[in-house]
Structure formats: structure tokens, C-alpha cells
């Protein structure tokens, strides 16, 4: 018997949420970079 731990499902839910937010942030950054690159190609 170890110390009390929160239920696994709750922990997993929380982790999934933060992972989802991180992933969204990464995707947004990539999209911004791609847009900038595309614009630079068009205007050169």
C-alpha cells in the first residue's frame, strides 16, 4: 500500500487536456510559419 493517489482516469484526463492544448499551440505555430513562407514566395 502506497500513499493516496488520485484516480488514474482523472490524472489521464488532465494530462490529455494539457497535451491537446500543447498540440494545438504547436499546430498553430507551424501554420503561422507556413503562411509566412508562402507569402514570401508569392511576393519575391
C-alpha atoms as a PDB file:
ATOM      1  CA  UNK A   1       0.000   0.000   0.000  1.00  0.00           C
ATOM      2  CA  UNK A   2       1.446   3.293  -1.111  1.00  0.00           C
ATOM      3  CA  UNK A   3       0.191   6.772  -0.293  1.00  0.00           C
ATOM      4  CA  UNK A   4      -3.069   8.036  -1.734  1.00  0.00           C
ATOM      5  CA  UNK A   5      -3.049   8.776  -5.461  1.00  0.00           C
ATOM      6  CA  UNK A   6      -5.834  10.458  -7.418  1.00  0.00           C
ATOM      7  CA  UNK A   7      -7.790   8.040  -9.635  1.00  0.00           C
ATOM      8  CA  UNK A   8      -5.873   7.180 -12.824  1.00  0.00           C
ATOM      9  CA  UNK A   9      -8.739   8.297 -15.075  1.00  0.00           C
ATOM     10  CA  UNK A  10      -8.737  11.788 -13.556  1.00  0.00           C
ATOM     11  CA  UNK A  11      -4.971  12.083 -13.966  1.00  0.00           C
ATOM     12  CA  UNK A  12      -5.217  10.847 -17.551  1.00  0.00           C
ATOM     13  CA  UNK A  13      -7.995  13.314 -18.350  1.00  0.00           C
ATOM     14  CA  UNK A  14      -5.891  16.183 -17.075  1.00  0.00           C
ATOM     15  CA  UNK A  15      -2.811  15.015 -18.990  1.00  0.00           C
ATOM     16  CA  UNK A  16      -4.800  14.579 -22.197  1.00  0.00           C
ATOM     17  CA  UNK A  17      -6.174  18.097 -21.837  1.00  0.00           C
ATOM     18  CA  UNK A  18      -2.767  19.705 -21.429  1.00  0.00           C
ATOM     19  CA  UNK A  19      -1.370  17.584 -24.266  1.00  0.00           C
ATOM     20  CA  UNK A  20      -4.235  18.694 -26.502  1.00  0.00           C
ATOM     21  CA  UNK A  21      -3.549  22.345 -25.674  1.00  0.00           C
ATOM     22  CA  UNK A  22       0.173  21.893 -26.360  1.00  0.00           C
ATOM     23  CA  UNK A  23      -0.550  20.160 -29.661  1.00  0.00           C
ATOM     24  CA  UNK A  24      -2.926  22.928 -30.722  1.00  0.00           C
ATOM     25  CA  UNK A  25      -0.287  25.519 -29.872  1.00  0.00           C
ATOM     26  CA  UNK A  26       2.345  23.660 -31.913  1.00  0.00           C
ATOM     27  CA  UNK A  27      -0.019  23.268 -34.864  1.00  0.00           C
ATOM     28  CA  UNK A  28      -0.852  26.985 -34.771  1.00  0.00           C
ATOM     29  CA  UNK A  29       2.845  27.905 -34.770  1.00  0.00           C
ATOM     30  CA  UNK A  30       3.521  25.610 -37.733  1.00  0.00           C
ATOM     31  CA  UNK A  31       0.578  27.062 -39.654  1.00  0.00           C
ATOM     32  CA  UNK A  32       1.821  30.615 -38.996  1.00  0.00           C
ATOM     33  CA  UNK A  33       5.319  29.744 -40.209  1.00  0.00           C
ATOM     34  CA  UNK A  34       3.941  28.081 -43.340  1.00  0.00           C
ATOM     35  CA  UNK A  35       1.773  31.113 -44.109  1.00  0.00           C
ATOM     36  CA  UNK A  36       4.767  33.421 -43.757  1.00  0.00           C
ATOM     37  CA  UNK A  37       6.849  31.199 -46.046  1.00  0.00           C
ATOM     38  CA  UNK A  38       4.058  31.036 -48.643  1.00  0.00           C
ATOM     39  CA  UNK A  39       3.636  34.830 -48.574  1.00  0.00           C
ATOM     40  CA  UNK A  40       7.383  35.323 -49.008  1.00  0.00           C
ATOM     41  CA  UNK A  41       7.383  33.007 -52.040  1.00  0.00           C
ATOM     42  CA  UNK A  42       4.446  34.881 -53.586  1.00  0.00           C
ATOM     43  CA  UNK A  43       5.967  38.333 -53.110  1.00  0.00           C
ATOM     44  CA  UNK A  44       9.509  37.505 -54.245  1.00  0.00           C
END
